[in-house]
Amino acid sequence: MKKGLKKKAVDTFAKKEWYTLKVPGAFIKTDAGKTLVNKQSSKALLDRALLGRNFEACQGDLNPNDETNSFRKFKFVISQVDGSVAKTEFNGMDLTKDKKKGIIRKWHTLVKTYQDVLTKDGYTLRIFVMGITKRELGQTKKTCYAKRANVKRVRKVIFNIIENHFSDLDLLKVMDILQGNKVTQEIEKKSLSIVPLENVFISKVKVVGKPKKEEVIN
């Protein structure tokens, strides 16, 4: 190239396309943003570029006026491309690091466990629960540790509640329940006779098994 000649400016975005990220209907807002991809010459190449792409969105963004629950991060994976829309499916849930750190307290016993459940539409979910022991009313003692035997009993209570709440539901209903506190409130209530708990949260959900495409029930 001759001296003094400048390279022709190239608009890199001219070779790219935007696709709207559409999340399942368990949320008030189903448009979760956009994703960028290089223009492709065929549908097969486009699918290869987009399918399986992961992203996450906090509950407060998906449900306007629900900022108090922004500590929940829902994970999604692109499963289908329809025109300029990238449709997604649930791929897990997690709490922010700050929220998890805020649950743990000094002089309390941390109770953690998980349970695998099979949903009505064939997904295997690994649901993690965490919480801490609670000081009893009028307690003057600084610590409120739980005995190992009582922690085991509480875990059994959690197993049963998780199984009862999630095993007969489809994935859409699971996402709906994960947005609230019904399950964790029941855990606190039913563990009260064993050891009082507080700050109980479903801390993480992993999708560890999916049905084959032809097995998915719409």
C-alpha atoms as a PDB file:
ATOM      1  CA  MET A   1       0.000   0.000   0.000  1.00  0.00           C
ATOM      2  CA  LYS A   2       1.348   3.423  -0.963  1.00  0.00           C
ATOM      3  CA  LYS A   3       2.378   5.804   1.755  1.00  0.00           C
ATOM      4  CA  GLY A   4      -0.222   8.345   2.745  1.00  0.00           C
ATOM      5  CA  LEU A   5      -3.170   6.177   1.717  1.00  0.00           C
ATOM      6  CA  LYS A   6      -5.547   5.410   4.544  1.00  0.00           C
ATOM      7  CA  LYS A   7      -7.349   2.139   5.005  1.00  0.00           C
ATOM      8  CA  LYS A   8     -10.984   2.266   4.012  1.00  0.00           C
ATOM      9  CA  ALA A   9     -13.180   2.576   7.089  1.00  0.00           C
ATOM     10  CA  VAL A  10     -15.190  -0.583   7.617  1.00  0.00           C
ATOM     11  CA  ASP A  11     -18.434  -0.584   9.557  1.00  0.00           C
ATOM     12  CA  THR A  12     -18.218  -3.887  11.405  1.00  0.00           C
ATOM     13  CA  PHE A  13     -21.855  -3.661  12.466  1.00  0.00           C
ATOM     14  CA  ALA A  14     -22.964  -3.650   8.816  1.00  0.00           C
ATOM     15  CA  LYS A  15     -22.061  -7.338   8.706  1.00  0.00           C
ATOM     16  CA  LYS A  16     -24.036  -8.172  11.831  1.00  0.00           C
ATOM     17  CA  GLU A  17     -27.679  -8.691  12.718  1.00  0.00           C
ATOM     18  CA  TRP A  18     -29.626  -8.133  15.926  1.00  0.00           C
ATOM     19  CA  TYR A  19     -31.988 -10.733  17.368  1.00  0.00           C
ATOM     20  CA  THR A  20     -34.537 -10.141  20.125  1.00  0.00           C
ATOM     21  CA  LEU A  21     -34.136 -12.450  23.120  1.00  0.00           C
ATOM     22  CA  LYS A  22     -37.521 -13.875  24.060  1.00  0.00           C
ATOM     23  CA  VAL A  23     -37.820 -15.550  27.479  1.00  0.00           C
ATOM     24  CA  PRO A  24     -40.649 -17.916  28.552  1.00  0.00           C
ATOM     25  CA  GLY A  25     -44.013 -16.463  29.559  1.00  0.00           C
ATOM     26  CA  ALA A  26     -43.512 -16.928  33.298  1.00  0.00           C
ATOM     27  CA  PHE A  27     -42.400 -13.298  33.486  1.00  0.00           C
ATOM     28  CA  ILE A  28     -44.226 -10.006  32.919  1.00  0.00           C
ATOM     29  CA  LYS A  29     -41.622  -8.827  30.418  1.00  0.00           C
ATOM     30  CA  THR A  30     -40.657 -11.476  27.875  1.00  0.00           C
ATOM     31  CA  ASP A  31     -38.314  -9.342  25.744  1.00  0.00           C
ATOM     32  CA  ALA A  32     -35.023  -9.622  27.631  1.00  0.00           C
ATOM     33  CA  GLY A  33     -32.835  -7.601  25.287  1.00  0.00           C
ATOM     34  CA  LYS A  34     -30.984  -8.311  22.057  1.00  0.00           C
ATOM     35  CA  THR A  35     -28.058 -10.381  20.893  1.00  0.00           C
ATOM     36  CA  LEU A  36     -25.707  -9.757  17.989  1.00  0.00           C
ATOM     37  CA  VAL A  37     -24.500 -12.255  15.418  1.00  0.00           C
ATOM     38  CA  ASN A  38     -22.633 -12.160  12.107  1.00  0.00           C
ATOM     39  CA  LYS A  39     -24.884 -12.332   9.058  1.00  0.00           C
ATOM     40  CA  GLN A  40     -25.216 -15.889   7.839  1.00  0.00           C
ATOM     41  CA  SER A  41     -25.931 -17.204   4.363  1.00  0.00           C
ATOM     42  CA  SER A  42     -28.260 -19.987   5.489  1.00  0.00           C
ATOM     43  CA  LYS A  43     -30.647 -20.915   8.287  1.00  0.00           C
ATOM     44  CA  ALA A  44     -28.409 -23.833   9.250  1.00  0.00           C
ATOM     45  CA  LEU A  45     -25.409 -21.541   9.784  1.00  0.00           C
ATOM     46  CA  LEU A  46     -27.563 -19.070  11.714  1.00  0.00           C
ATOM     47  CA  ASP A  47     -28.809 -21.826  14.005  1.00  0.00           C
ATOM     48  CA  ARG A  48     -25.249 -22.968  14.570  1.00  0.00           C
ATOM     49  CA  ALA A  49     -24.241 -19.426  15.558  1.00  0.00           C
ATOM     50  CA  LEU A  50     -27.157 -18.745  17.908  1.00  0.00           C
ATOM     51  CA  LEU A  51     -28.494 -22.008  19.318  1.00  0.00           C
ATOM     52  CA  GLY A  52     -27.013 -22.825  22.694  1.00  0.00           C
ATOM     53  CA  ARG A  53     -26.009 -19.235  23.427  1.00  0.00           C
ATOM     54  CA  ASN A  54     -26.479 -18.495  27.140  1.00  0.00           C
ATOM     55  CA  PHE A  55     -27.412 -15.324  28.987  1.00  0.00           C
ATOM     56  CA  GLU A  56     -28.959 -14.293  32.290  1.00  0.00           C
ATOM     57  CA  ALA A  57     -31.397 -11.632  33.488  1.00  0.00           C
ATOM     58  CA  CYS A  58     -32.334 -10.570  36.994  1.00  0.00           C
ATOM     59  CA  GLN A  59     -35.896 -10.956  38.214  1.00  0.00           C
ATOM     60  CA  GLY A  60     -36.263  -7.208  38.737  1.00  0.00           C
ATOM     61  CA  ASP A  61     -35.631  -6.556  35.024  1.00  0.00           C
ATOM     62  CA  LEU A  62     -38.067  -9.225  33.861  1.00  0.00           C
ATOM     63  CA  ASN A  63     -40.774  -8.143  36.314  1.00  0.00           C
ATOM     64  CA  PRO A  64     -41.020  -4.337  36.427  1.00  0.00           C
ATOM     65  CA  ASN A  65     -41.780  -2.922  39.900  1.00  0.00           C
ATOM     66  CA  ASP A  66     -40.190  -6.012  41.483  1.00  0.00           C
ATOM     67  CA  GLU A  67     -36.746  -4.535  42.171  1.00  0.00           C
ATOM     68  CA  THR A  68     -36.665  -6.027  45.683  1.00  0.00           C
ATOM     69  CA  ASN A  69     -36.126  -9.449  44.092  1.00  0.00           C
ATOM     70  CA  SER A  70     -33.339  -8.369  41.739  1.00  0.00           C
ATOM     71  CA  PHE A  71     -30.974 -10.654  43.663  1.00  0.00           C
ATOM     72  CA  ARG A  72     -32.407 -13.597  41.686  1.00  0.00           C
ATOM     73  CA  LYS A  73     -30.693 -14.230  38.354  1.00  0.00           C
ATOM     74  CA  PHE A  74     -32.519 -16.432  35.874  1.00  0.00           C
ATOM     75  CA  LYS A  75     -30.460 -18.196  33.233  1.00  0.00           C
ATOM     76  CA  PHE A  76     -31.649 -18.936  29.712  1.00  0.00           C
ATOM     77  CA  VAL A  77     -30.345 -20.665  26.607  1.00  0.00           C
ATOM     78  CA  ILE A  78     -31.396 -19.964  23.017  1.00  0.00           C
ATOM     79  CA  SER A  79     -33.321 -22.979  21.764  1.00  0.00           C
ATOM     80  CA  GLN A  80     -35.029 -21.740  18.586  1.00  0.00           C
ATOM     81  CA  VAL A  81     -34.681 -18.936  16.030  1.00  0.00           C
ATOM     82  CA  ASP A  82     -37.879 -17.614  14.465  1.00  0.00           C
ATOM     83  CA  GLY A  83     -37.325 -14.698  12.104  1.00  0.00           C
ATOM     84  CA  SER A  84     -35.561 -11.988  14.107  1.00  0.00           C
ATOM     85  CA  VAL A  85     -36.566 -13.544  17.432  1.00  0.00           C
ATOM     86  CA  ALA A  86     -34.297 -15.854  19.428  1.00  0.00           C
ATOM     87  CA  LYS A  87     -36.582 -17.955  21.623  1.00  0.00           C
ATOM     88  CA  THR A  88     -35.101 -19.281  24.835  1.00  0.00           C
ATOM     89  CA  GLU A  89     -35.751 -21.841  27.532  1.00  0.00           C
ATOM     90  CA  PHE A  90     -34.970 -21.926  31.234  1.00  0.00           C
ATOM     91  CA  ASN A  91     -31.413 -22.989  32.011  1.00  0.00           C
ATOM     92  CA  GLY A  92     -31.091 -22.352  35.745  1.00  0.00           C
ATOM     93  CA  MET A  93     -31.338 -19.801  38.522  1.00  0.00           C
ATOM     94  CA  ASP A  94     -28.844 -18.324  40.951  1.00  0.00           C
ATOM     95  CA  LEU A  95     -28.560 -15.653  43.626  1.00  0.00           C
ATOM     96  CA  THR A  96     -26.127 -12.767  43.377  1.00  0.00           C
ATOM     97  CA  LYS A  97     -22.861 -13.155  45.298  1.00  0.00           C
ATOM     98  CA  ASP A  98     -23.794 -10.275  47.589  1.00  0.00           C
ATOM     99  CA  LYS A  99     -27.081 -11.950  48.491  1.00  0.00           C
ATOM    100  CA  LYS A 100     -25.398 -15.258  49.317  1.00  0.00           C
ATOM    101  CA  LYS A 101     -22.800 -13.520  51.467  1.00  0.00           C
ATOM    102  CA  GLY A 102     -25.566 -11.658  53.285  1.00  0.00           C
ATOM    103  CA  ILE A 103     -27.282 -14.909  54.300  1.00  0.00           C
ATOM    104  CA  ILE A 104     -24.289 -16.236  56.245  1.00  0.00           C
ATOM    105  CA  ARG A 105     -23.857 -14.906  59.784  1.00  0.00           C
ATOM    106  CA  LYS A 106     -21.419 -15.465  62.610  1.00  0.00           C
ATOM    107  CA  TRP A 107     -22.517 -17.750  65.485  1.00  0.00           C
ATOM    108  CA  HIS A 108     -25.249 -19.389  63.399  1.00  0.00           C
ATOM    109  CA  THR A 109     -25.254 -22.813  61.739  1.00  0.00           C
ATOM    110  CA  LEU A 110     -25.449 -22.687  57.959  1.00  0.00           C
ATOM    111  CA  VAL A 111     -27.795 -25.350  56.589  1.00  0.00           C
ATOM    112  CA  LYS A 112     -27.226 -26.282  52.938  1.00  0.00           C
ATOM    113  CA  THR A 113     -28.594 -29.106  50.830  1.00  0.00           C
ATOM    114  CA  TYR A 114     -29.943 -29.960  47.382  1.00  0.00           C
ATOM    115  CA  GLN A 115     -32.539 -32.230  45.854  1.00  0.00           C
ATOM    116  CA  ASP A 116     -33.008 -33.515  42.292  1.00  0.00           C
ATOM    117  CA  VAL A 117     -36.550 -33.434  40.929  1.00  0.00           C
ATOM    118  CA  LEU A 118     -38.075 -34.547  37.638  1.00  0.00           C
ATOM    119  CA  THR A 119     -40.595 -32.080  36.243  1.00  0.00           C
ATOM    120  CA  LYS A 120     -43.834 -33.010  34.536  1.00  0.00           C
ATOM    121  CA  ASP A 121     -42.345 -32.201  31.126  1.00  0.00           C
ATOM    122  CA  GLY A 122     -39.202 -34.286  31.606  1.00  0.00           C
ATOM    123  CA  TYR A 123     -36.556 -31.874  32.911  1.00  0.00           C
ATOM    124  CA  THR A 124     -34.296 -32.908  35.776  1.00  0.00           C
ATOM    125  CA  LEU A 125     -33.595 -29.982  38.089  1.00  0.00           C
ATOM    126  CA  ARG A 126     -31.070 -29.846  40.908  1.00  0.00           C
ATOM    127  CA  ILE A 127     -32.489 -27.427  43.477  1.00  0.00           C
ATOM    128  CA  PHE A 128     -30.141 -26.008  46.120  1.00  0.00           C
ATOM    129  CA  VAL A 129     -31.432 -24.568  49.401  1.00  0.00           C
ATOM    130  CA  MET A 130     -29.576 -22.628  52.065  1.00  0.00           C
ATOM    131  CA  GLY A 131     -30.515 -20.944  55.336  1.00  0.00           C
ATOM    132  CA  ILE A 132     -29.235 -20.313  58.843  1.00  0.00           C
ATOM    133  CA  THR A 133     -30.380 -21.158  62.336  1.00  0.00           C
ATOM    134  CA  LYS A 134     -32.417 -18.525  64.150  1.00  0.00           C
ATOM    135  CA  ARG A 135     -32.211 -17.320  67.724  1.00  0.00           C
ATOM    136  CA  GLU A 136     -35.289 -18.214  69.721  1.00  0.00           C
ATOM    137  CA  LEU A 137     -37.492 -15.491  71.171  1.00  0.00           C
ATOM    138  CA  GLY A 138     -35.999 -14.176  74.407  1.00  0.00           C
ATOM    139  CA  GLN A 139     -32.699 -16.010  73.900  1.00  0.00           C
ATOM    140  CA  THR A 140     -29.754 -14.297  75.604  1.00  0.00           C
ATOM    141  CA  LYS A 141     -27.085 -16.749  74.479  1.00  0.00           C
ATOM    142  CA  LYS A 142     -24.917 -15.292  71.720  1.00  0.00           C
ATOM    143  CA  THR A 143     -24.694 -18.460  69.636  1.00  0.00           C
ATOM    144  CA  CYS A 144     -27.470 -20.524  68.096  1.00  0.00           C
ATOM    145  CA  TYR A 145     -25.724 -23.556  66.668  1.00  0.00           C
ATOM    146  CA  ALA A 146     -27.679 -26.658  65.656  1.00  0.00           C
ATOM    147  CA  LYS A 147     -26.766 -30.244  66.478  1.00  0.00           C
ATOM    148  CA  ARG A 148     -25.710 -32.403  63.558  1.00  0.00           C
ATOM    149  CA  ALA A 149     -28.654 -34.760  64.094  1.00  0.00           C
ATOM    150  CA  ASN A 150     -31.091 -31.855  63.899  1.00  0.00           C
ATOM    151  CA  VAL A 151     -29.481 -30.552  60.722  1.00  0.00           C
ATOM    152  CA  LYS A 152     -30.036 -33.994  59.159  1.00  0.00           C
ATOM    153  CA  ARG A 153     -33.693 -33.910  60.199  1.00  0.00           C
ATOM    154  CA  VAL A 154     -34.136 -30.438  58.714  1.00  0.00           C
ATOM    155  CA  ARG A 155     -32.593 -31.607  55.449  1.00  0.00           C
ATOM    156  CA  LYS A 156     -35.175 -34.399  55.244  1.00  0.00           C
ATOM    157  CA  VAL A 157     -37.918 -31.800  55.693  1.00  0.00           C
ATOM    158  CA  ILE A 158     -36.394 -29.762  52.852  1.00  0.00           C
ATOM    159  CA  PHE A 159     -36.166 -32.840  50.582  1.00  0.00           C
ATOM    160  CA  ASN A 160     -39.873 -33.583  51.042  1.00  0.00           C
ATOM    161  CA  ILE A 161     -40.988 -29.990  50.495  1.00  0.00           C
ATOM    162  CA  ILE A 162     -38.903 -29.576  47.327  1.00  0.00           C
ATOM    163  CA  GLU A 163     -40.206 -32.880  45.946  1.00  0.00           C
ATOM    164  CA  ASN A 164     -43.823 -32.017  46.751  1.00  0.00           C
ATOM    165  CA  HIS A 165     -43.669 -28.542  45.239  1.00  0.00           C
ATOM    166  CA  PHE A 166     -41.767 -29.166  42.017  1.00  0.00           C
ATOM    167  CA  SER A 167     -42.078 -32.776  40.823  1.00  0.00           C
ATOM    168  CA  ASP A 168     -45.595 -32.485  39.355  1.00  0.00           C
ATOM    169  CA  LEU A 169     -45.067 -29.138  37.610  1.00  0.00           C
ATOM    170  CA  ASP A 170     -43.968 -28.180  34.125  1.00  0.00           C
ATOM    171  CA  LEU A 171     -40.970 -25.891  33.646  1.00  0.00           C
ATOM    172  CA  LEU A 172     -43.099 -22.769  33.158  1.00  0.00           C
ATOM    173  CA  LYS A 173     -44.783 -23.242  36.533  1.00  0.00           C
ATOM    174  CA  VAL A 174     -41.416 -23.987  38.160  1.00  0.00           C
ATOM    175  CA  MET A 175     -40.133 -20.588  37.002  1.00  0.00           C
ATOM    176  CA  ASP A 176     -43.242 -18.975  38.443  1.00  0.00           C
ATOM    177  CA  ILE A 177     -42.712 -20.565  41.876  1.00  0.00           C
ATOM    178  CA  LEU A 178     -38.994 -19.700  41.925  1.00  0.00           C
ATOM    179  CA  GLN A 179     -39.898 -16.010  41.782  1.00  0.00           C
ATOM    180  CA  GLY A 180     -41.674 -16.131  45.157  1.00  0.00           C
ATOM    181  CA  ASN A 181     -41.089 -17.244  48.736  1.00  0.00           C
ATOM    182  CA  LYS A 182     -43.840 -19.831  49.204  1.00  0.00           C
ATOM    183  CA  VAL A 183     -41.485 -22.826  49.284  1.00  0.00           C
ATOM    184  CA  THR A 184     -38.924 -21.287  51.633  1.00  0.00           C
ATOM    185  CA  GLN A 185     -41.632 -20.019  53.990  1.00  0.00           C
ATOM    186  CA  GLU A 186     -42.950 -23.575  54.264  1.00  0.00           C
ATOM    187  CA  ILE A 187     -39.431 -24.830  55.011  1.00  0.00           C
ATOM    188  CA  GLU A 188     -39.107 -22.303  57.842  1.00  0.00           C
ATOM    189  CA  LYS A 189     -42.531 -23.240  59.213  1.00  0.00           C
ATOM    190  CA  LYS A 190     -42.049 -27.027  59.130  1.00  0.00           C
ATOM    191  CA  SER A 191     -38.514 -26.953  60.520  1.00  0.00           C
ATOM    192  CA  LEU A 192     -39.574 -24.811  63.484  1.00  0.00           C
ATOM    193  CA  SER A 193     -40.242 -27.837  65.712  1.00  0.00           C
ATOM    194  CA  ILE A 194     -36.728 -29.193  64.991  1.00  0.00           C
ATOM    195  CA  VAL A 195     -34.583 -26.067  64.821  1.00  0.00           C
ATOM    196  CA  PRO A 196     -35.748 -22.528  63.950  1.00  0.00           C
ATOM    197  CA  LEU A 197     -34.439 -21.234  60.616  1.00  0.00           C
ATOM    198  CA  GLU A 198     -34.257 -17.835  58.948  1.00  0.00           C
ATOM    199  CA  ASN A 199     -32.903 -16.388  55.708  1.00  0.00           C
ATOM    200  CA  VAL A 200     -33.943 -19.542  53.856  1.00  0.00           C
ATOM    201  CA  PHE A 201     -33.569 -19.245  50.090  1.00  0.00           C
ATOM    202  CA  ILE A 202     -33.506 -21.443  47.038  1.00  0.00           C
ATOM    203  CA  SER A 203     -29.935 -20.440  46.269  1.00  0.00           C
ATOM    204  CA  LYS A 204     -29.431 -22.137  42.921  1.00  0.00           C
ATOM    205  CA  VAL A 205     -31.197 -24.286  40.349  1.00  0.00           C
ATOM    206  CA  LYS A 206     -29.315 -26.334  37.759  1.00  0.00           C
ATOM    207  CA  VAL A 207     -30.826 -28.068  34.752  1.00  0.00           C
ATOM    208  CA  VAL A 208     -29.001 -31.404  34.848  1.00  0.00           C
ATOM    209  CA  GLY A 209     -31.203 -33.297  32.400  1.00  0.00           C
ATOM    210  CA  LYS A 210     -33.460 -32.433  29.471  1.00  0.00           C
ATOM    211  CA  PRO A 211     -35.954 -34.499  27.488  1.00  0.00           C
ATOM    212  CA  LYS A 212     -35.196 -35.263  23.875  1.00  0.00           C
ATOM    213  CA  LYS A 213     -36.840 -32.782  21.519  1.00  0.00           C
ATOM    214  CA  GLU A 214     -39.522 -35.227  20.426  1.00  0.00           C
ATOM    215  CA  GLU A 215     -40.315 -35.947  24.096  1.00  0.00           C
ATOM    216  CA  VAL A 216     -40.992 -32.324  25.095  1.00  0.00           C
ATOM    217  CA  ILE A 217     -44.662 -31.868  25.970  1.00  0.00           C
ATOM    218  CA  ASN A 218     -46.058 -28.500  24.875  1.00  0.00           C
END
